[in-house]
Structure formats: C-alpha cells, structure tokens
Amino acid sequence: MIEKELLNPLYAELFDLIGEDAMKKIYENYQGLTITIPKKLYKGELVAERIRSLGVIDQKTKQTLARQYDYSQRQIERFLKKK
C-alpha cells in the first residue's frame, strides 16, 4: 500500500492522474531516468505519410486534419507538398 502523503511531488501527481497501479509501473520501469514528453501526440513523419496517402485534399479537410492531429493547417499543407 502506497503512502501518498510521503510521495515525491511527481509521483503524487501521477498517483492522482493515473492511479496507484499505473504510477507504480512507471516508477518500476523508469525510475532514475529523465523523461521528456513530446508536445505532439502524433509523430509528424507518420502523420505526413497518412495525409499524403489520402490524395487530393480540399481546404475543409485540411482544417479537420489539422485539428485531429494537433498540427497547424500550414503544417498539414507542408506535409502534402513534401514527397
């Protein structure tokens, strides 16, 4: 049983966010490491491949894809131009 009040602040926050079991798994697997969390959930190169596979895309679809993948519409257009 974890004594939450004694946890380091990061582990206490993880405990609140994801629960005790998941927090313990993170601790067991990554303790002592410095972890950088990317700002983007989706990898740009893979998103670009997916978007290019769609073929010709209209402006509204570009807007939808930008929101879906959390990239700017300009970045979506760059993905389409880059081959």
Protein backbone atom coordinates (compact mmCIF):
# COMPACT_ATOMS: atom_id res chain seq x y z
CA MET A 1 0.00 0.00 0.00
CA ILE A 2 1.43 3.35 -1.12
CA GLU A 3 1.52 6.17 1.44
CA LYS A 4 0.56 9.01 -0.88
CA GLU A 5 1.35 11.78 1.59
CA LEU A 6 5.02 10.68 1.59
CA LEU A 7 5.47 10.54 -2.20
CA ASN A 8 7.72 12.84 -4.16
CA PRO A 9 5.56 15.51 -5.84
CA LEU A 10 5.83 13.99 -9.32
CA TYR A 11 4.75 10.57 -8.10
CA ALA A 12 1.92 12.10 -6.06
CA GLU A 13 0.67 13.87 -9.19
CA LEU A 14 0.90 10.67 -11.24
CA PHE A 15 -0.92 8.85 -8.45
CA ASP A 16 -3.78 11.35 -8.76
CA LEU A 17 -3.80 11.36 -12.56
CA ILE A 18 -3.49 7.67 -13.41
CA GLY A 19 -3.90 5.76 -10.17
CA GLU A 20 -1.67 3.78 -7.86
CA ASP A 21 -1.03 0.73 -10.07
CA ALA A 22 -0.06 2.72 -13.17
CA MET A 23 2.11 5.06 -11.07
CA LYS A 24 3.94 2.06 -9.60
CA LYS A 25 4.53 0.65 -13.11
CA ILE A 26 6.03 3.94 -14.24
CA TYR A 27 8.22 4.01 -11.13
CA GLU A 28 9.38 0.42 -11.63
CA ASN A 29 10.16 0.88 -15.34
CA TYR A 30 11.53 4.42 -15.47
CA GLN A 31 12.89 5.31 -12.03
CA GLY A 32 16.06 7.39 -12.22
CA LEU A 33 15.54 8.38 -15.87
CA THR A 34 14.90 11.84 -17.17
CA ILE A 35 11.90 11.69 -19.47
CA THR A 36 10.97 14.35 -21.98
CA ILE A 37 7.35 14.27 -23.05
CA PRO A 38 6.88 15.40 -26.66
CA LYS A 39 4.46 18.26 -27.23
CA LYS A 40 2.84 16.43 -30.13
CA LEU A 41 0.96 13.18 -29.55
CA TYR A 42 1.42 12.06 -33.17
CA LYS A 43 4.78 11.70 -34.93
CA GLY A 44 4.99 14.22 -37.77
CA GLU A 45 6.55 11.89 -40.34
CA LEU A 46 3.84 9.29 -39.84
CA VAL A 47 1.08 11.89 -39.97
CA ALA A 48 2.60 13.21 -43.21
CA GLU A 49 2.56 9.73 -44.75
CA ARG A 50 -1.06 9.21 -43.71
CA ILE A 51 -2.15 12.56 -45.11
CA ARG A 52 -0.28 12.08 -48.39
CA SER A 53 -1.95 8.69 -48.80
CA LEU A 54 -5.34 10.42 -48.85
CA GLY A 55 -4.59 12.04 -52.21
CA VAL A 56 -6.06 15.42 -53.14
CA ILE A 57 -7.49 17.19 -50.10
CA ASP A 58 -9.77 20.23 -50.01
CA GLN A 59 -9.39 23.15 -47.58
CA LYS A 60 -12.07 21.92 -45.16
CA THR A 61 -10.41 18.51 -44.91
CA LYS A 62 -7.06 20.20 -44.20
CA GLN A 63 -8.69 22.07 -41.34
CA THR A 64 -10.21 18.87 -40.00
CA LEU A 65 -6.88 17.02 -40.21
CA ALA A 66 -5.09 19.90 -38.51
CA ARG A 67 -7.47 19.68 -35.56
CA GLN A 68 -7.43 15.88 -35.50
CA TYR A 69 -3.63 15.59 -35.36
CA ASP A 70 -2.94 18.83 -33.44
CA TYR A 71 -0.86 20.37 -36.22
CA SER A 72 -1.40 23.75 -37.87
CA GLN A 73 -3.12 23.93 -41.22
CA ARG A 74 0.12 25.33 -42.63
CA GLN A 75 1.98 22.23 -41.39
CA ILE A 76 -0.63 19.98 -43.00
CA GLU A 77 -0.03 21.81 -46.28
CA ARG A 78 3.73 21.30 -45.86
CA PHE A 79 3.14 17.59 -45.31
CA LEU A 80 1.20 17.46 -48.56
CA LYS A 81 3.90 19.27 -50.55
CA LYS A 82 6.76 17.18 -49.21
CA LYS A 83 7.25 13.93 -51.11
